[in-house]
Structures are given as structure tokens and as C-alpha cells.
Amino acid sequence: MTEFEISLKRYLLEHEMKQVEISKILNVSRSNISQAVKSDHITLNSMRKIVNAIDCDLEIVIKPKSE
């Protein structure tokens, strides 16, 4: 699971939302959202669109790898 997927799922769970709500806002299928979120190759642009759809900001943090 990617960090983006984990963070998004946590946010949706905490706010009682579903991916289908994002798909309706972005006018794409729920499966498109699901595939994008699970992808190891999701683009920054796609992450921004998803995060904007739920009225959030996207932060990218560079940190040392955990051991």
C-alpha cells in the first residue's frame, strides 16, 4: 500500500466518506479512483485532483528512510 493510499483511506474513514464521493466530484468512475490510489505510479497531478476534491491540501515530506 502506498503512503498516499494509506493517508487517503485514513482521511476518508475519519470523515465518513467513500471513494465514490470523490469519483462523483471528479466525474470519473469509482474504479478509476481506486486504481489511481492503489498505483505505485500515481502522478502528482492525480493526487492533487483527488485531494482537492475532498477540500484538502497535499503535502509532500522528504524524510530519512526508516530502518
PDB file of N, CA and C in Angstrom:
ATOM      1  N   MET A   1       0.841  -1.172   0.000  1.00  0.00           N
ATOM      2  CA  MET A   1       0.000   0.000   0.000  1.00  0.00           C
ATOM      3  C   MET A   1       0.894   1.245   0.000  1.00  0.00           C
ATOM      4  N   THR A   2       0.556   2.222  -0.818  1.00  0.00           N
ATOM      5  CA  THR A   2       1.361   3.442  -0.879  1.00  0.00           C
ATOM      6  C   THR A   2       1.004   4.366   0.282  1.00  0.00           C
ATOM      7  N   GLU A   3       1.905   5.286   0.579  1.00  0.00           N
ATOM      8  CA  GLU A   3       1.641   6.271   1.639  1.00  0.00           C
ATOM      9  C   GLU A   3       0.408   7.101   1.293  1.00  0.00           C
ATOM     10  N   PHE A   4       0.261   7.435   0.007  1.00  0.00           N
ATOM     11  CA  PHE A   4      -0.901   8.212  -0.406  1.00  0.00           C
ATOM     12  C   PHE A   4      -2.185   7.432  -0.153  1.00  0.00           C
ATOM     13  N   GLU A   5      -2.198   6.163  -0.516  1.00  0.00           N
ATOM     14  CA  GLU A   5      -3.383   5.330  -0.303  1.00  0.00           C
ATOM     15  C   GLU A   5      -3.719   5.220   1.185  1.00  0.00           C
ATOM     16  N   ILE A   6      -2.718   4.996   2.002  1.00  0.00           N
ATOM     17  CA  ILE A   6      -2.933   4.886   3.445  1.00  0.00           C
ATOM     18  C   ILE A   6      -3.507   6.191   4.004  1.00  0.00           C
ATOM     19  N   SER A   7      -2.904   7.307   3.616  1.00  0.00           N
ATOM     20  CA  SER A   7      -3.356   8.608   4.119  1.00  0.00           C
ATOM     21  C   SER A   7      -4.769   8.924   3.666  1.00  0.00           C
ATOM     22  N   LEU A   8      -5.062   8.646   2.397  1.00  0.00           N
ATOM     23  CA  LEU A   8      -6.396   8.932   1.876  1.00  0.00           C
ATOM     24  C   LEU A   8      -7.441   8.054   2.550  1.00  0.00           C
ATOM     25  N   LYS A   9      -7.154   6.769   2.687  1.00  0.00           N
ATOM     26  CA  LYS A   9      -8.110   5.867   3.344  1.00  0.00           C
ATOM     27  C   LYS A   9      -8.371   6.295   4.782  1.00  0.00           C
ATOM     28  N   ARG A  10      -7.316   6.694   5.475  1.00  0.00           N
ATOM     29  CA  ARG A  10      -7.468   7.145   6.861  1.00  0.00           C
ATOM     30  C   ARG A  10      -8.372   8.385   6.910  1.00  0.00           C
ATOM     31  N   TYR A  11      -8.115   9.335   6.014  1.00  0.00           N
ATOM     32  CA  TYR A  11      -8.905  10.551   5.984  1.00  0.00           C
ATOM     33  C   TYR A  11     -10.378  10.234   5.682  1.00  0.00           C
ATOM     34  N   LEU A  12     -10.607   9.404   4.669  1.00  0.00           N
ATOM     35  CA  LEU A  12     -11.982   9.070   4.299  1.00  0.00           C
ATOM     36  C   LEU A  12     -12.704   8.378   5.450  1.00  0.00           C
ATOM     37  N   LEU A  13     -12.028   7.465   6.113  1.00  0.00           N
ATOM     38  CA  LEU A  13     -12.618   6.761   7.250  1.00  0.00           C
ATOM     39  C   LEU A  13     -12.964   7.729   8.374  1.00  0.00           C
ATOM     40  N   GLU A  14     -12.027   8.608   8.707  1.00  0.00           N
ATOM     41  CA  GLU A  14     -12.248   9.575   9.791  1.00  0.00           C
ATOM     42  C   GLU A  14     -13.377  10.554   9.480  1.00  0.00           C
ATOM     43  N   HIS A  15     -13.622  10.804   8.192  1.00  0.00           N
ATOM     44  CA  HIS A  15     -14.647  11.768   7.797  1.00  0.00           C
ATOM     45  C   HIS A  15     -15.881  11.104   7.191  1.00  0.00           C
ATOM     46  N   GLU A  16     -15.970   9.797   7.406  1.00  0.00           N
ATOM     47  CA  GLU A  16     -17.119   9.011   6.948  1.00  0.00           C
ATOM     48  C   GLU A  16     -17.448   9.292   5.482  1.00  0.00           C
ATOM     49  N   MET A  17     -16.412   9.212   4.662  1.00  0.00           N
ATOM     50  CA  MET A  17     -16.566   9.424   3.232  1.00  0.00           C
ATOM     51  C   MET A  17     -16.172   8.151   2.492  1.00  0.00           C
ATOM     52  N   LYS A  18     -16.574   8.074   1.237  1.00  0.00           N
ATOM     53  CA  LYS A  18     -16.241   6.940   0.378  1.00  0.00           C
ATOM     54  C   LYS A  18     -15.588   7.453  -0.898  1.00  0.00           C
ATOM     55  N   GLN A  19     -14.831   6.584  -1.545  1.00  0.00           N
ATOM     56  CA  GLN A  19     -14.198   6.948  -2.811  1.00  0.00           C
ATOM     57  C   GLN A  19     -15.227   7.330  -3.865  1.00  0.00           C
ATOM     58  N   VAL A  20     -16.420   6.777  -3.763  1.00  0.00           N
ATOM     59  CA  VAL A  20     -17.460   7.094  -4.741  1.00  0.00           C
ATOM     60  C   VAL A  20     -17.808   8.586  -4.709  1.00  0.00           C
ATOM     61  N   GLU A  21     -17.680   9.213  -3.555  1.00  0.00           N
ATOM     62  CA  GLU A  21     -17.937  10.655  -3.462  1.00  0.00           C
ATOM     63  C   GLU A  21     -16.890  11.435  -4.249  1.00  0.00           C
ATOM     64  N   ILE A  22     -15.653  10.998  -4.185  1.00  0.00           N
ATOM     65  CA  ILE A  22     -14.585  11.632  -4.962  1.00  0.00           C
ATOM     66  C   ILE A  22     -14.854  11.435  -6.452  1.00  0.00           C
ATOM     67  N   SER A  23     -15.250  10.230  -6.820  1.00  0.00           N
ATOM     68  CA  SER A  23     -15.499   9.944  -8.233  1.00  0.00           C
ATOM     69  C   SER A  23     -16.628  10.806  -8.787  1.00  0.00           C
ATOM     70  N   LYS A  24     -17.656  11.060  -7.989  1.00  0.00           N
ATOM     71  CA  LYS A  24     -18.761  11.919  -8.442  1.00  0.00           C
ATOM     72  C   LYS A  24     -18.290  13.355  -8.632  1.00  0.00           C
ATOM     73  N   ILE A  25     -17.483  13.841  -7.715  1.00  0.00           N
ATOM     74  CA  ILE A  25     -16.969  15.211  -7.811  1.00  0.00           C
ATOM     75  C   ILE A  25     -16.094  15.362  -9.057  1.00  0.00           C
ATOM     76  N   LEU A  26     -15.254  14.362  -9.324  1.00  0.00           N
ATOM     77  CA  LEU A  26     -14.324  14.425 -10.450  1.00  0.00           C
ATOM     78  C   LEU A  26     -14.933  13.906 -11.753  1.00  0.00           C
ATOM     79  N   ASN A  27     -16.161  13.393 -11.662  1.00  0.00           N
ATOM     80  CA  ASN A  27     -16.871  12.871 -12.835  1.00  0.00           C
ATOM     81  C   ASN A  27     -16.094  11.739 -13.522  1.00  0.00           C
ATOM     82  N   VAL A  28     -15.610  10.820 -12.701  1.00  0.00           N
ATOM     83  CA  VAL A  28     -14.946   9.607 -13.193  1.00  0.00           C
ATOM     84  C   VAL A  28     -15.517   8.418 -12.427  1.00  0.00           C
ATOM     85  N   SER A  29     -15.235   7.222 -12.884  1.00  0.00           N
ATOM     86  CA  SER A  29     -15.752   6.043 -12.191  1.00  0.00           C
ATOM     87  C   SER A  29     -15.015   5.813 -10.872  1.00  0.00           C
ATOM     88  N   ARG A  30     -15.690   5.146  -9.952  1.00  0.00           N
ATOM     89  CA  ARG A  30     -15.067   4.815  -8.680  1.00  0.00           C
ATOM     90  C   ARG A  30     -13.869   3.913  -8.906  1.00  0.00           C
ATOM     91  N   SER A  31     -13.961   3.026  -9.890  1.00  0.00           N
ATOM     92  CA  SER A  31     -12.835   2.129 -10.160  1.00  0.00           C
ATOM     93  C   SER A  31     -11.613   2.907 -10.652  1.00  0.00           C
ATOM     94  N   ASN A  32     -11.825   4.013 -11.380  1.00  0.00           N
ATOM     95  CA  ASN A  32     -10.691   4.847 -11.795  1.00  0.00           C
ATOM     96  C   ASN A  32      -9.994   5.450 -10.586  1.00  0.00           C
ATOM     97  N   ILE A  33     -10.779   5.905  -9.621  1.00  0.00           N
ATOM     98  CA  ILE A  33     -10.209   6.472  -8.393  1.00  0.00           C
ATOM     99  C   ILE A  33      -9.442   5.385  -7.648  1.00  0.00           C
ATOM    100  N   SER A  34     -10.064   4.232  -7.503  1.00  0.00           N
ATOM    101  CA  SER A  34      -9.440   3.130  -6.780  1.00  0.00           C
ATOM    102  C   SER A  34      -8.123   2.709  -7.431  1.00  0.00           C
ATOM    103  N   GLN A  35      -8.115   2.564  -8.744  1.00  0.00           N
ATOM    104  CA  GLN A  35      -6.900   2.178  -9.453  1.00  0.00           C
ATOM    105  C   GLN A  35      -5.802   3.225  -9.300  1.00  0.00           C
ATOM    106  N   ALA A  36      -6.177   4.496  -9.409  1.00  0.00           N
ATOM    107  CA  ALA A  36      -5.192   5.573  -9.279  1.00  0.00           C
ATOM    108  C   ALA A  36      -4.573   5.569  -7.894  1.00  0.00           C
ATOM    109  N   VAL A  37      -5.410   5.444  -6.883  1.00  0.00           N
ATOM    110  CA  VAL A  37      -4.947   5.490  -5.497  1.00  0.00           C
ATOM    111  C   VAL A  37      -4.023   4.319  -5.182  1.00  0.00           C
ATOM    112  N   LYS A  38      -4.311   3.151  -5.726  1.00  0.00           N
ATOM    113  CA  LYS A  38      -3.510   1.952  -5.460  1.00  0.00           C
ATOM    114  C   LYS A  38      -2.223   1.903  -6.274  1.00  0.00           C
ATOM    115  N   SER A  39      -2.126   2.737  -7.293  1.00  0.00           N
ATOM    116  CA  SER A  39      -0.983   2.670  -8.203  1.00  0.00           C
ATOM    117  C   SER A  39       0.299   3.178  -7.555  1.00  0.00           C
ATOM    118  N   ASP A  40       1.378   2.467  -7.811  1.00  0.00           N
ATOM    119  CA  ASP A  40       2.696   2.937  -7.376  1.00  0.00           C
ATOM    120  C   ASP A  40       3.175   4.090  -8.255  1.00  0.00           C
ATOM    121  N   HIS A  41       2.474   4.329  -9.344  1.00  0.00           N
ATOM    122  CA  HIS A  41       2.890   5.344 -10.311  1.00  0.00           C
ATOM    123  C   HIS A  41       1.869   6.476 -10.444  1.00  0.00           C
ATOM    124  N   ILE A  42       1.104   6.738  -9.396  1.00  0.00           N
ATOM    125  CA  ILE A  42       0.132   7.825  -9.447  1.00  0.00           C
ATOM    126  C   ILE A  42       0.885   9.145  -9.636  1.00  0.00           C
ATOM    127  N   THR A  43       0.345   9.994 -10.480  1.00  0.00           N
ATOM    128  CA  THR A  43       1.017  11.264 -10.746  1.00  0.00           C
ATOM    129  C   THR A  43       0.683  12.280  -9.668  1.00  0.00           C
ATOM    130  N   LEU A  44       1.545  13.247  -9.550  1.00  0.00           N
ATOM    131  CA  LEU A  44       1.308  14.340  -8.616  1.00  0.00           C
ATOM    132  C   LEU A  44       0.019  15.064  -8.989  1.00  0.00           C
ATOM    133  N   ASN A  45      -0.210  15.227 -10.269  1.00  0.00           N
ATOM    134  CA  ASN A  45      -1.425  15.881 -10.737  1.00  0.00           C
ATOM    135  C   ASN A  45      -2.677  15.115 -10.297  1.00  0.00           C
ATOM    136  N   SER A  46      -2.650  13.786 -10.396  1.00  0.00           N
ATOM    137  CA  SER A  46      -3.786  12.971  -9.963  1.00  0.00           C
ATOM    138  C   SER A  46      -4.003  13.072  -8.454  1.00  0.00           C
ATOM    139  N   MET A  47      -2.911  13.061  -7.699  1.00  0.00           N
ATOM    140  CA  MET A  47      -3.041  13.210  -6.247  1.00  0.00           C
ATOM    141  C   MET A  47      -3.668  14.563  -5.904  1.00  0.00           C
ATOM    142  N   ARG A  48      -3.227  15.607  -6.588  1.00  0.00           N
ATOM    143  CA  ARG A  48      -3.787  16.941  -6.338  1.00  0.00           C
ATOM    144  C   ARG A  48      -5.279  16.983  -6.634  1.00  0.00           C
ATOM    145  N   LYS A  49      -5.706  16.393  -7.741  1.00  0.00           N
ATOM    146  CA  LYS A  49      -7.126  16.389  -8.097  1.00  0.00           C
ATOM    147  C   LYS A  49      -7.955  15.678  -7.029  1.00  0.00           C
ATOM    148  N   ILE A  50      -7.471  14.529  -6.585  1.00  0.00           N
ATOM    149  CA  ILE A  50      -8.191  13.761  -5.565  1.00  0.00           C
ATOM    150  C   ILE A  50      -8.265  14.540  -4.262  1.00  0.00           C
ATOM    151  N   VAL A  51      -7.158  15.109  -3.851  1.00  0.00           N
ATOM    152  CA  VAL A  51      -7.104  15.855  -2.590  1.00  0.00           C
ATOM    153  C   VAL A  51      -7.961  17.123  -2.682  1.00  0.00           C
ATOM    154  N   ASN A  52      -7.930  17.797  -3.809  1.00  0.00           N
ATOM    155  CA  ASN A  52      -8.772  18.980  -3.986  1.00  0.00           C
ATOM    156  C   ASN A  52     -10.253  18.616  -3.940  1.00  0.00           C
ATOM    157  N   ALA A  53     -10.594  17.448  -4.454  1.00  0.00           N
ATOM    158  CA  ALA A  53     -11.993  17.010  -4.464  1.00  0.00           C
ATOM    159  C   ALA A  53     -12.558  16.860  -3.054  1.00  0.00           C
ATOM    160  N   ILE A  54     -11.692  16.565  -2.091  1.00  0.00           N
ATOM    161  CA  ILE A  54     -12.152  16.427  -0.698  1.00  0.00           C
ATOM    162  C   ILE A  54     -11.779  17.663   0.118  1.00  0.00           C
ATOM    163  N   ASP A  55     -11.456  18.736  -0.585  1.00  0.00           N
ATOM    164  CA  ASP A  55     -11.170  20.040   0.031  1.00  0.00           C
ATOM    165  C   ASP A  55     -10.024  19.956   1.047  1.00  0.00           C
ATOM    166  N   CYS A  56      -8.936  19.330   0.613  1.00  0.00           N
ATOM    167  CA  CYS A  56      -7.749  19.200   1.456  1.00  0.00           C
ATOM    168  C   CYS A  56      -6.528  19.729   0.717  1.00  0.00           C
ATOM    169  N   ASP A  57      -5.434  19.868   1.452  1.00  0.00           N
ATOM    170  CA  ASP A  57      -4.150  20.233   0.881  1.00  0.00           C
ATOM    171  C   ASP A  57      -3.282  18.992   0.805  1.00  0.00           C
ATOM    172  N   LEU A  58      -2.392  18.983  -0.158  1.00  0.00           N
ATOM    173  CA  LEU A  58      -1.446  17.887  -0.312  1.00  0.00           C
ATOM    174  C   LEU A  58      -0.080  18.368   0.142  1.00  0.00           C
ATOM    175  N   GLU A  59       0.549  17.624   1.037  1.00  0.00           N
ATOM    176  CA  GLU A  59       1.900  17.932   1.489  1.00  0.00           C
ATOM    177  C   GLU A  59       2.812  16.784   1.106  1.00  0.00           C
ATOM    178  N   ILE A  60       3.985  17.135   0.649  1.00  0.00           N
ATOM    179  CA  ILE A  60       4.989  16.125   0.341  1.00  0.00           C
ATOM    180  C   ILE A  60       6.147  16.358   1.300  1.00  0.00           C
ATOM    181  N   VAL A  61       6.526  15.310   2.003  1.00  0.00           N
ATOM    182  CA  VAL A  61       7.568  15.408   3.016  1.00  0.00           C
ATOM    183  C   VAL A  61       8.713  14.494   2.617  1.00  0.00           C
ATOM    184  N   ILE A  62       9.911  15.042   2.682  1.00  0.00           N
ATOM    185  CA  ILE A  62      11.100  14.229   2.455  1.00  0.00           C
ATOM    186  C   ILE A  62      11.724  13.956   3.820  1.00  0.00           C
ATOM    187  N   LYS A  63      11.903  12.686   4.107  1.00  0.00           N
ATOM    188  CA  LYS A  63      12.464  12.298   5.409  1.00  0.00           C
ATOM    189  C   LYS A  63      13.370  11.088   5.210  1.00  0.00           C
ATOM    190  N   PRO A  64      14.274  10.868   6.131  1.00  0.00           N
ATOM    191  CA  PRO A  64      15.138   9.692   6.021  1.00  0.00           C
ATOM    192  C   PRO A  64      14.314   8.413   6.052  1.00  0.00           C
ATOM    193  N   LYS A  65      14.777   7.416   5.346  1.00  0.00           N
ATOM    194  CA  LYS A  65      14.095   6.127   5.360  1.00  0.00           C
ATOM    195  C   LYS A  65      14.176   5.524   6.751  1.00  0.00           C
ATOM    196  N   SER A  66      13.076   4.916   7.163  1.00  0.00           N
ATOM    197  CA  SER A  66      13.108   4.264   8.474  1.00  0.00           C
ATOM    198  C   SER A  66      13.838   2.934   8.335  1.00  0.00           C
ATOM    199  N   GLU A  67      14.463   2.527   9.409  1.00  0.00           N
ATOM    200  CA  GLU A  67      15.268   1.301   9.361  1.00  0.00           C
ATOM    201  C   GLU A  67      14.453   0.096   9.680  1.00  0.00           C
TER     202      GLU A  67
END
